Amino acid sequence: MLIPLLVGILTILVNMVIQVLAVVVLIRYFVSRREPGEHKATAFKYSWVLTVALAVLFVGNLVQITIWATLFLYLGEFQVFATAFYH
């Protein structure tokens, strides 16, 4: 029982690192895109910021789901990757 618990904790930690990396990438991207003296943003710019942020976080979540699905396959919980991924 201890081994599955440790594997689960390790997987959660890996997923947390992925989430933090996604946020760091977003922050660096938006800071680098900011122009000095820029105080007023348009609705289009706000929409673009949200679109990019959601896309990066969505990809990060898909990576995390893939990690869990792979772990479930490895542990024999599921026989088909698509089922493990959907779970």
PDB file of N, CA and C in Angstrom:
ATOM      1  N   MET A   1       0.814  -1.193   0.000  1.00  0.00           N
ATOM      2  CA  MET A   1       0.000   0.000   0.000  1.00  0.00           C
ATOM      3  C   MET A   1       0.863   1.265   0.000  1.00  0.00           C
ATOM      4  N   LEU A   2       2.038   1.173   0.538  1.00  0.00           N
ATOM      5  CA  LEU A   2       2.903   2.344   0.608  1.00  0.00           C
ATOM      6  C   LEU A   2       3.424   2.739  -0.777  1.00  0.00           C
ATOM      7  N   ILE A   3       3.735   1.748  -1.605  1.00  0.00           N
ATOM      8  CA  ILE A   3       4.274   2.038  -2.940  1.00  0.00           C
ATOM      9  C   ILE A   3       3.261   2.800  -3.798  1.00  0.00           C
ATOM     10  N   PRO A   4       2.001   2.349  -3.900  1.00  0.00           N
ATOM     11  CA  PRO A   4       1.040   3.128  -4.700  1.00  0.00           C
ATOM     12  C   PRO A   4       0.848   4.554  -4.169  1.00  0.00           C
ATOM     13  N   LEU A   5       0.896   4.702  -2.852  1.00  0.00           N
ATOM     14  CA  LEU A   5       0.763   6.033  -2.268  1.00  0.00           C
ATOM     15  C   LEU A   5       1.935   6.924  -2.670  1.00  0.00           C
ATOM     16  N   LEU A   6       3.135   6.389  -2.618  1.00  0.00           N
ATOM     17  CA  LEU A   6       4.318   7.159  -3.006  1.00  0.00           C
ATOM     18  C   LEU A   6       4.308   7.497  -4.497  1.00  0.00           C
ATOM     19  N   VAL A   7       3.869   6.546  -5.311  1.00  0.00           N
ATOM     20  CA  VAL A   7       3.770   6.802  -6.755  1.00  0.00           C
ATOM     21  C   VAL A   7       2.745   7.908  -7.019  1.00  0.00           C
ATOM     22  N   GLY A   8       1.622   7.863  -6.314  1.00  0.00           N
ATOM     23  CA  GLY A   8       0.604   8.903  -6.464  1.00  0.00           C
ATOM     24  C   GLY A   8       1.109  10.270  -6.035  1.00  0.00           C
ATOM     25  N   ILE A   9       1.823  10.313  -4.913  1.00  0.00           N
ATOM     26  CA  ILE A   9       2.381  11.579  -4.433  1.00  0.00           C
ATOM     27  C   ILE A   9       3.392  12.129  -5.433  1.00  0.00           C
ATOM     28  N   LEU A  10       4.244  11.259  -5.960  1.00  0.00           N
ATOM     29  CA  LEU A  10       5.230  11.691  -6.951  1.00  0.00           C
ATOM     30  C   LEU A  10       4.543  12.230  -8.207  1.00  0.00           C
ATOM     31  N   THR A  11       3.490  11.557  -8.638  1.00  0.00           N
ATOM     32  CA  THR A  11       2.759  12.002  -9.824  1.00  0.00           C
ATOM     33  C   THR A  11       2.101  13.358  -9.583  1.00  0.00           C
ATOM     34  N   ILE A  12       1.548  13.542  -8.403  1.00  0.00           N
ATOM     35  CA  ILE A  12       0.951  14.836  -8.067  1.00  0.00           C
ATOM     36  C   ILE A  12       2.011  15.930  -8.078  1.00  0.00           C
ATOM     37  N   LEU A  13       3.183  15.642  -7.531  1.00  0.00           N
ATOM     38  CA  LEU A  13       4.268  16.630  -7.523  1.00  0.00           C
ATOM     39  C   LEU A  13       4.705  16.983  -8.945  1.00  0.00           C
ATOM     40  N   VAL A  14       4.816  15.977  -9.809  1.00  0.00           N
ATOM     41  CA  VAL A  14       5.180  16.233 -11.208  1.00  0.00           C
ATOM     42  C   VAL A  14       4.125  17.121 -11.865  1.00  0.00           C
ATOM     43  N   ASN A  15       2.858  16.830 -11.600  1.00  0.00           N
ATOM     44  CA  ASN A  15       1.782  17.641 -12.177  1.00  0.00           C
ATOM     45  C   ASN A  15       1.804  19.070 -11.646  1.00  0.00           C
ATOM     46  N   MET A  16       2.146  19.232 -10.376  1.00  0.00           N
ATOM     47  CA  MET A  16       2.252  20.584  -9.819  1.00  0.00           C
ATOM     48  C   MET A  16       3.378  21.360 -10.493  1.00  0.00           C
ATOM     49  N   VAL A  17       4.496  20.684 -10.755  1.00  0.00           N
ATOM     50  CA  VAL A  17       5.618  21.333 -11.445  1.00  0.00           C
ATOM     51  C   VAL A  17       5.190  21.763 -12.847  1.00  0.00           C
ATOM     52  N   ILE A  18       4.452  20.913 -13.541  1.00  0.00           N
ATOM     53  CA  ILE A  18       3.969  21.253 -14.883  1.00  0.00           C
ATOM     54  C   ILE A  18       3.065  22.483 -14.824  1.00  0.00           C
ATOM     55  N   GLN A  19       2.178  22.536 -13.847  1.00  0.00           N
ATOM     56  CA  GLN A  19       1.275  23.677 -13.715  1.00  0.00           C
ATOM     57  C   GLN A  19       2.049  24.960 -13.423  1.00  0.00           C
ATOM     58  N   VAL A  20       3.031  24.869 -12.538  1.00  0.00           N
ATOM     59  CA  VAL A  20       3.852  26.043 -12.216  1.00  0.00           C
ATOM     60  C   VAL A  20       4.633  26.498 -13.446  1.00  0.00           C
ATOM     61  N   LEU A  21       5.189  25.550 -14.197  1.00  0.00           N
ATOM     62  CA  LEU A  21       5.926  25.915 -15.409  1.00  0.00           C
ATOM     63  C   LEU A  21       5.023  26.615 -16.422  1.00  0.00           C
ATOM     64  N   ALA A  22       3.792  26.145 -16.550  1.00  0.00           N
ATOM     65  CA  ALA A  22       2.855  26.792 -17.476  1.00  0.00           C
ATOM     66  C   ALA A  22       2.591  28.233 -17.049  1.00  0.00           C
ATOM     67  N   VAL A  23       2.418  28.450 -15.761  1.00  0.00           N
ATOM     68  CA  VAL A  23       2.172  29.809 -15.268  1.00  0.00           C
ATOM     69  C   VAL A  23       3.410  30.684 -15.457  1.00  0.00           C
ATOM     70  N   VAL A  24       4.600  30.131 -15.200  1.00  0.00           N
ATOM     71  CA  VAL A  24       5.841  30.889 -15.386  1.00  0.00           C
ATOM     72  C   VAL A  24       6.010  31.283 -16.852  1.00  0.00           C
ATOM     73  N   VAL A  25       5.727  30.355 -17.762  1.00  0.00           N
ATOM     74  CA  VAL A  25       5.813  30.663 -19.195  1.00  0.00           C
ATOM     75  C   VAL A  25       4.850  31.799 -19.544  1.00  0.00           C
ATOM     76  N   LEU A  26       3.645  31.740 -19.010  1.00  0.00           N
ATOM     77  CA  LEU A  26       2.671  32.805 -19.275  1.00  0.00           C
ATOM     78  C   LEU A  26       3.152  34.151 -18.752  1.00  0.00           C
ATOM     79  N   ILE A  27       3.642  34.163 -17.529  1.00  0.00           N
ATOM     80  CA  ILE A  27       4.100  35.426 -16.939  1.00  0.00           C
ATOM     81  C   ILE A  27       5.253  36.003 -17.749  1.00  0.00           C
ATOM     82  N   ARG A  28       6.214  35.165 -18.097  1.00  0.00           N
ATOM     83  CA  ARG A  28       7.352  35.652 -18.892  1.00  0.00           C
ATOM     84  C   ARG A  28       6.905  36.167 -20.253  1.00  0.00           C
ATOM     85  N   TYR A  29       5.975  35.464 -20.872  1.00  0.00           N
ATOM     86  CA  TYR A  29       5.482  35.889 -22.182  1.00  0.00           C
ATOM     87  C   TYR A  29       4.814  37.258 -22.089  1.00  0.00           C
ATOM     88  N   PHE A  30       3.929  37.416 -21.126  1.00  0.00           N
ATOM     89  CA  PHE A  30       3.191  38.671 -21.025  1.00  0.00           C
ATOM     90  C   PHE A  30       4.073  39.828 -20.572  1.00  0.00           C
ATOM     91  N   VAL A  31       5.043  39.564 -19.723  1.00  0.00           N
ATOM     92  CA  VAL A  31       5.968  40.620 -19.311  1.00  0.00           C
ATOM     93  C   VAL A  31       6.822  41.054 -20.501  1.00  0.00           C
ATOM     94  N   SER A  32       7.252  40.099 -21.317  1.00  0.00           N
ATOM     95  CA  SER A  32       8.080  40.454 -22.474  1.00  0.00           C
ATOM     96  C   SER A  32       7.279  41.199 -23.542  1.00  0.00           C
ATOM     97  N   ARG A  33       5.983  40.982 -23.598  1.00  0.00           N
ATOM     98  CA  ARG A  33       5.135  41.634 -24.601  1.00  0.00           C
ATOM     99  C   ARG A  33       4.686  43.019 -24.159  1.00  0.00           C
ATOM    100  N   ARG A  34       4.853  43.327 -22.912  1.00  0.00           N
ATOM    101  CA  ARG A  34       4.410  44.624 -22.387  1.00  0.00           C
ATOM    102  C   ARG A  34       5.328  45.730 -22.883  1.00  0.00           C
ATOM    103  N   GLU A  35       4.721  46.751 -23.390  1.00  0.00           N
ATOM    104  CA  GLU A  35       5.493  47.881 -23.903  1.00  0.00           C
ATOM    105  C   GLU A  35       5.590  48.953 -22.826  1.00  0.00           C
ATOM    106  N   PRO A  36       6.760  49.581 -22.695  1.00  0.00           N
ATOM    107  CA  PRO A  36       6.904  50.643 -21.692  1.00  0.00           C
ATOM    108  C   PRO A  36       5.936  51.791 -21.966  1.00  0.00           C
ATOM    109  N   GLY A  37       5.358  52.297 -20.920  1.00  0.00           N
ATOM    110  CA  GLY A  37       4.435  53.411 -21.061  1.00  0.00           C
ATOM    111  C   GLY A  37       3.044  53.011 -21.504  1.00  0.00           C
ATOM    112  N   GLU A  38       2.818  51.729 -21.646  1.00  0.00           N
ATOM    113  CA  GLU A  38       1.507  51.252 -22.093  1.00  0.00           C
ATOM    114  C   GLU A  38       0.580  51.158 -20.879  1.00  0.00           C
ATOM    115  N   HIS A  39      -0.455  51.970 -20.886  1.00  0.00           N
ATOM    116  CA  HIS A  39      -1.363  51.986 -19.743  1.00  0.00           C
ATOM    117  C   HIS A  39      -2.781  51.588 -20.128  1.00  0.00           C
ATOM    118  N   LYS A  40      -3.126  51.800 -21.367  1.00  0.00           N
ATOM    119  CA  LYS A  40      -4.493  51.530 -21.785  1.00  0.00           C
ATOM    120  C   LYS A  40      -4.509  50.357 -22.760  1.00  0.00           C
ATOM    121  N   ALA A  41      -5.285  49.347 -22.417  1.00  0.00           N
ATOM    122  CA  ALA A  41      -5.391  48.180 -23.286  1.00  0.00           C
ATOM    123  C   ALA A  41      -6.785  48.149 -23.907  1.00  0.00           C
ATOM    124  N   THR A  42      -6.844  47.646 -25.104  1.00  0.00           N
ATOM    125  CA  THR A  42      -8.120  47.548 -25.810  1.00  0.00           C
ATOM    126  C   THR A  42      -8.805  46.234 -25.457  1.00  0.00           C
ATOM    127  N   ALA A  43     -10.064  46.134 -25.837  1.00  0.00           N
ATOM    128  CA  ALA A  43     -10.813  44.902 -25.607  1.00  0.00           C
ATOM    129  C   ALA A  43     -10.174  43.747 -26.370  1.00  0.00           C
ATOM    130  N   PHE A  44      -9.654  44.036 -27.564  1.00  0.00           N
ATOM    131  CA  PHE A  44      -8.992  42.988 -28.343  1.00  0.00           C
ATOM    132  C   PHE A  44      -7.767  42.462 -27.601  1.00  0.00           C
ATOM    133  N   LYS A  45      -7.002  43.366 -27.010  1.00  0.00           N
ATOM    134  CA  LYS A  45      -5.800  42.942 -26.294  1.00  0.00           C
ATOM    135  C   LYS A  45      -6.175  42.084 -25.089  1.00  0.00           C
ATOM    136  N   TYR A  46      -7.201  42.491 -24.348  1.00  0.00           N
ATOM    137  CA  TYR A  46      -7.656  41.681 -23.221  1.00  0.00           C
ATOM    138  C   TYR A  46      -8.107  40.301 -23.698  1.00  0.00           C
ATOM    139  N   SER A  47      -8.815  40.270 -24.815  1.00  0.00           N
ATOM    140  CA  SER A  47      -9.268  38.985 -25.360  1.00  0.00           C
ATOM    141  C   SER A  47      -8.084  38.116 -25.765  1.00  0.00           C
ATOM    142  N   TRP A  48      -7.085  38.733 -26.369  1.00  0.00           N
ATOM    143  CA  TRP A  48      -5.900  37.992 -26.792  1.00  0.00           C
ATOM    144  C   TRP A  48      -5.158  37.430 -25.583  1.00  0.00           C
ATOM    145  N   VAL A  49      -5.022  38.216 -24.542  1.00  0.00           N
ATOM    146  CA  VAL A  49      -4.347  37.772 -23.320  1.00  0.00           C
ATOM    147  C   VAL A  49      -5.075  36.568 -22.734  1.00  0.00           C
ATOM    148  N   LEU A  50      -6.386  36.652 -22.644  1.00  0.00           N
ATOM    149  CA  LEU A  50      -7.165  35.534 -22.110  1.00  0.00           C
ATOM    150  C   LEU A  50      -7.058  34.298 -22.993  1.00  0.00           C
ATOM    151  N   THR A  51      -7.086  34.487 -24.298  1.00  0.00           N
ATOM    152  CA  THR A  51      -6.989  33.357 -25.223  1.00  0.00           C
ATOM    153  C   THR A  51      -5.659  32.636 -25.075  1.00  0.00           C
ATOM    154  N   VAL A  52      -4.580  33.384 -25.032  1.00  0.00           N
ATOM    155  CA  VAL A  52      -3.251  32.775 -24.879  1.00  0.00           C
ATOM    156  C   VAL A  52      -3.139  32.078 -23.530  1.00  0.00           C
ATOM    157  N   ALA A  53      -3.596  32.735 -22.477  1.00  0.00           N
ATOM    158  CA  ALA A  53      -3.507  32.148 -21.139  1.00  0.00           C
ATOM    159  C   ALA A  53      -4.292  30.842 -21.063  1.00  0.00           C
ATOM    160  N   LEU A  54      -5.504  30.854 -21.566  1.00  0.00           N
ATOM    161  CA  LEU A  54      -6.318  29.640 -21.525  1.00  0.00           C
ATOM    162  C   LEU A  54      -5.724  28.527 -22.384  1.00  0.00           C
ATOM    163  N   ALA A  55      -5.159  28.876 -23.527  1.00  0.00           N
ATOM    164  CA  ALA A  55      -4.549  27.863 -24.393  1.00  0.00           C
ATOM    165  C   ALA A  55      -3.352  27.208 -23.711  1.00  0.00           C
ATOM    166  N   VAL A  56      -2.495  28.011 -23.091  1.00  0.00           N
ATOM    167  CA  VAL A  56      -1.316  27.453 -22.413  1.00  0.00           C
ATOM    168  C   VAL A  56      -1.744  26.575 -21.243  1.00  0.00           C
ATOM    169  N   LEU A  57      -2.689  27.037 -20.445  1.00  0.00           N
ATOM    170  CA  LEU A  57      -3.150  26.242 -19.309  1.00  0.00           C
ATOM    171  C   LEU A  57      -3.867  24.972 -19.770  1.00  0.00           C
ATOM    172  N   PHE A  58      -4.595  25.055 -20.870  1.00  0.00           N
ATOM    173  CA  PHE A  58      -5.277  23.881 -21.409  1.00  0.00           C
ATOM    174  C   PHE A  58      -4.270  22.820 -21.847  1.00  0.00           C
ATOM    175  N   VAL A  59      -3.229  23.242 -22.539  1.00  0.00           N
ATOM    176  CA  VAL A  59      -2.185  22.297 -22.959  1.00  0.00           C
ATOM    177  C   VAL A  59      -1.511  21.690 -21.733  1.00  0.00           C
ATOM    178  N   GLY A  60      -1.251  22.514 -20.719  1.00  0.00           N
ATOM    179  CA  GLY A  60      -0.671  21.996 -19.479  1.00  0.00           C
ATOM    180  C   GLY A  60      -1.556  20.945 -18.835  1.00  0.00           C
ATOM    181  N   ASN A  61      -2.863  21.185 -18.836  1.00  0.00           N
ATOM    182  CA  ASN A  61      -3.791  20.204 -18.278  1.00  0.00           C
ATOM    183  C   ASN A  61      -3.820  18.923 -19.100  1.00  0.00           C
ATOM    184  N   LEU A  62      -3.744  19.046 -20.420  1.00  0.00           N
ATOM    185  CA  LEU A  62      -3.707  17.845 -21.260  1.00  0.00           C
ATOM    186  C   LEU A  62      -2.455  17.014 -20.982  1.00  0.00           C
ATOM    187  N   VAL A  63      -1.337  17.678 -20.751  1.00  0.00           N
ATOM    188  CA  VAL A  63      -0.102  16.962 -20.400  1.00  0.00           C
ATOM    189  C   VAL A  63      -0.292  16.224 -19.079  1.00  0.00           C
ATOM    190  N   GLN A  64      -0.925  16.868 -18.115  1.00  0.00           N
ATOM    191  CA  GLN A  64      -1.156  16.228 -16.824  1.00  0.00           C
ATOM    192  C   GLN A  64      -2.091  15.024 -16.958  1.00  0.00           C
ATOM    193  N   ILE A  65      -3.139  15.169 -17.740  1.00  0.00           N
ATOM    194  CA  ILE A  65      -4.065  14.058 -17.965  1.00  0.00           C
ATOM    195  C   ILE A  65      -3.338  12.900 -18.635  1.00  0.00           C
ATOM    196  N   THR A  66      -2.457  13.215 -19.579  1.00  0.00           N
ATOM    197  CA  THR A  66      -1.679  12.179 -20.260  1.00  0.00           C
ATOM    198  C   THR A  66      -0.777  11.440 -19.279  1.00  0.00           C
ATOM    199  N   ILE A  67      -0.172  12.166 -18.354  1.00  0.00           N
ATOM    200  CA  ILE A  67       0.683  11.525 -17.343  1.00  0.00           C
ATOM    201  C   ILE A  67      -0.140  10.563 -16.493  1.00  0.00           C
ATOM    202  N   TRP A  68      -1.293  11.009 -16.023  1.00  0.00           N
ATOM    203  CA  TRP A  68      -2.139  10.128 -15.218  1.00  0.00           C
ATOM    204  C   TRP A  68      -2.609   8.918 -16.032  1.00  0.00           C
ATOM    205  N   ALA A  69      -3.006   9.139 -17.280  1.00  0.00           N
ATOM    206  CA  ALA A  69      -3.471   8.027 -18.115  1.00  0.00           C
ATOM    207  C   ALA A  69      -2.363   7.005 -18.325  1.00  0.00           C
ATOM    208  N   THR A  70      -1.148   7.489 -18.555  1.00  0.00           N
ATOM    209  CA  THR A  70      -0.009   6.584 -18.730  1.00  0.00           C
ATOM    210  C   THR A  70       0.252   5.795 -17.454  1.00  0.00           C
ATOM    211  N   LEU A  71       0.167   6.462 -16.321  1.00  0.00           N
ATOM    212  CA  LEU A  71       0.352   5.774 -15.037  1.00  0.00           C
ATOM    213  C   LEU A  71      -0.728   4.715 -14.833  1.00  0.00           C
ATOM    214  N   PHE A  72      -1.983   5.048 -15.136  1.00  0.00           N
ATOM    215  CA  PHE A  72      -3.067   4.080 -15.001  1.00  0.00           C
ATOM    216  C   PHE A  72      -2.855   2.869 -15.907  1.00  0.00           C
ATOM    217  N   LEU A  73      -2.379   3.106 -17.130  1.00  0.00           N
ATOM    218  CA  LEU A  73      -2.077   1.986 -18.031  1.00  0.00           C
ATOM    219  C   LEU A  73      -0.965   1.120 -17.461  1.00  0.00           C
ATOM    220  N   TYR A  74       0.079   1.762 -16.974  1.00  0.00           N
ATOM    221  CA  TYR A  74       1.228   1.042 -16.417  1.00  0.00           C
ATOM    222  C   TYR A  74       0.813   0.198 -15.213  1.00  0.00           C
ATOM    223  N   LEU A  75      -0.086   0.720 -14.394  1.00  0.00           N
ATOM    224  CA  LEU A  75      -0.531  -0.006 -13.203  1.00  0.00           C
ATOM    225  C   LEU A  75      -1.601  -1.045 -13.514  1.00  0.00           C
ATOM    226  N   GLY A  76      -2.065  -1.093 -14.758  1.00  0.00           N
ATOM    227  CA  GLY A  76      -3.052  -2.089 -15.154  1.00  0.00           C
ATOM    228  C   GLY A  76      -4.481  -1.725 -14.809  1.00  0.00           C
ATOM    229  N   GLU A  77      -4.727  -0.471 -14.486  1.00  0.00           N
ATOM    230  CA  GLU A  77      -6.086  -0.043 -14.157  1.00  0.00           C
ATOM    231  C   GLU A  77      -6.969   0.010 -15.399  1.00  0.00           C
ATOM    232  N   PHE A  78      -6.371   0.314 -16.535  1.00  0.00           N
ATOM    233  CA  PHE A  78      -7.091   0.385 -17.804  1.00  0.00           C
ATOM    234  C   PHE A  78      -6.294  -0.373 -18.852  1.00  0.00           C
ATOM    235  N   GLN A  79      -6.993  -0.861 -19.865  1.00  0.00           N
ATOM    236  CA  GLN A  79      -6.341  -1.613 -20.933  1.00  0.00           C
ATOM    237  C   GLN A  79      -6.102  -0.755 -22.175  1.00  0.00           C
ATOM    238  N   VAL A  80      -6.883   0.303 -22.315  1.00  0.00           N
ATOM    239  CA  VAL A  80      -6.826   1.151 -23.499  1.00  0.00           C
ATOM    240  C   VAL A  80      -6.487   2.578 -23.066  1.00  0.00           C
ATOM    241  N   PHE A  81      -5.543   3.203 -23.787  1.00  0.00           N
ATOM    242  CA  PHE A  81      -5.116   4.552 -23.422  1.00  0.00           C
ATOM    243  C   PHE A  81      -6.271   5.552 -23.485  1.00  0.00           C
ATOM    244  N   ALA A  82      -7.113   5.444 -24.509  1.00  0.00           N
ATOM    245  CA  ALA A  82      -8.222   6.397 -24.659  1.00  0.00           C
ATOM    246  C   ALA A  82      -9.153   6.350 -23.447  1.00  0.00           C
ATOM    247  N   THR A  83      -9.408   5.165 -22.939  1.00  0.00           N
ATOM    248  CA  THR A  83     -10.257   5.031 -21.756  1.00  0.00           C
ATOM    249  C   THR A  83      -9.582   5.636 -20.535  1.00  0.00           C
ATOM    250  N   ALA A  84      -8.298   5.378 -20.378  1.00  0.00           N
ATOM    251  CA  ALA A  84      -7.555   5.947 -19.251  1.00  0.00           C
ATOM    252  C   ALA A  84      -7.507   7.466 -19.357  1.00  0.00           C
ATOM    253  N   PHE A  85      -7.339   7.972 -20.558  1.00  0.00           N
ATOM    254  CA  PHE A  85      -7.279   9.420 -20.770  1.00  0.00           C
ATOM    255  C   PHE A  85      -8.622  10.061 -20.446  1.00  0.00           C
ATOM    256  N   TYR A  86      -9.699   9.432 -20.869  1.00  0.00           N
ATOM    257  CA  TYR A  86     -11.036   9.979 -20.641  1.00  0.00           C
ATOM    258  C   TYR A  86     -11.428   9.918 -19.177  1.00  0.00           C
ATOM    259  N   HIS A  87     -10.924   8.922 -18.473  1.00  0.00           N
ATOM    260  CA  HIS A  87     -11.267   8.723 -17.068  1.00  0.00           C
ATOM    261  C   HIS A  87     -10.925   9.957 -16.288  1.00  0.00           C
TER     262      HIS A  87
END
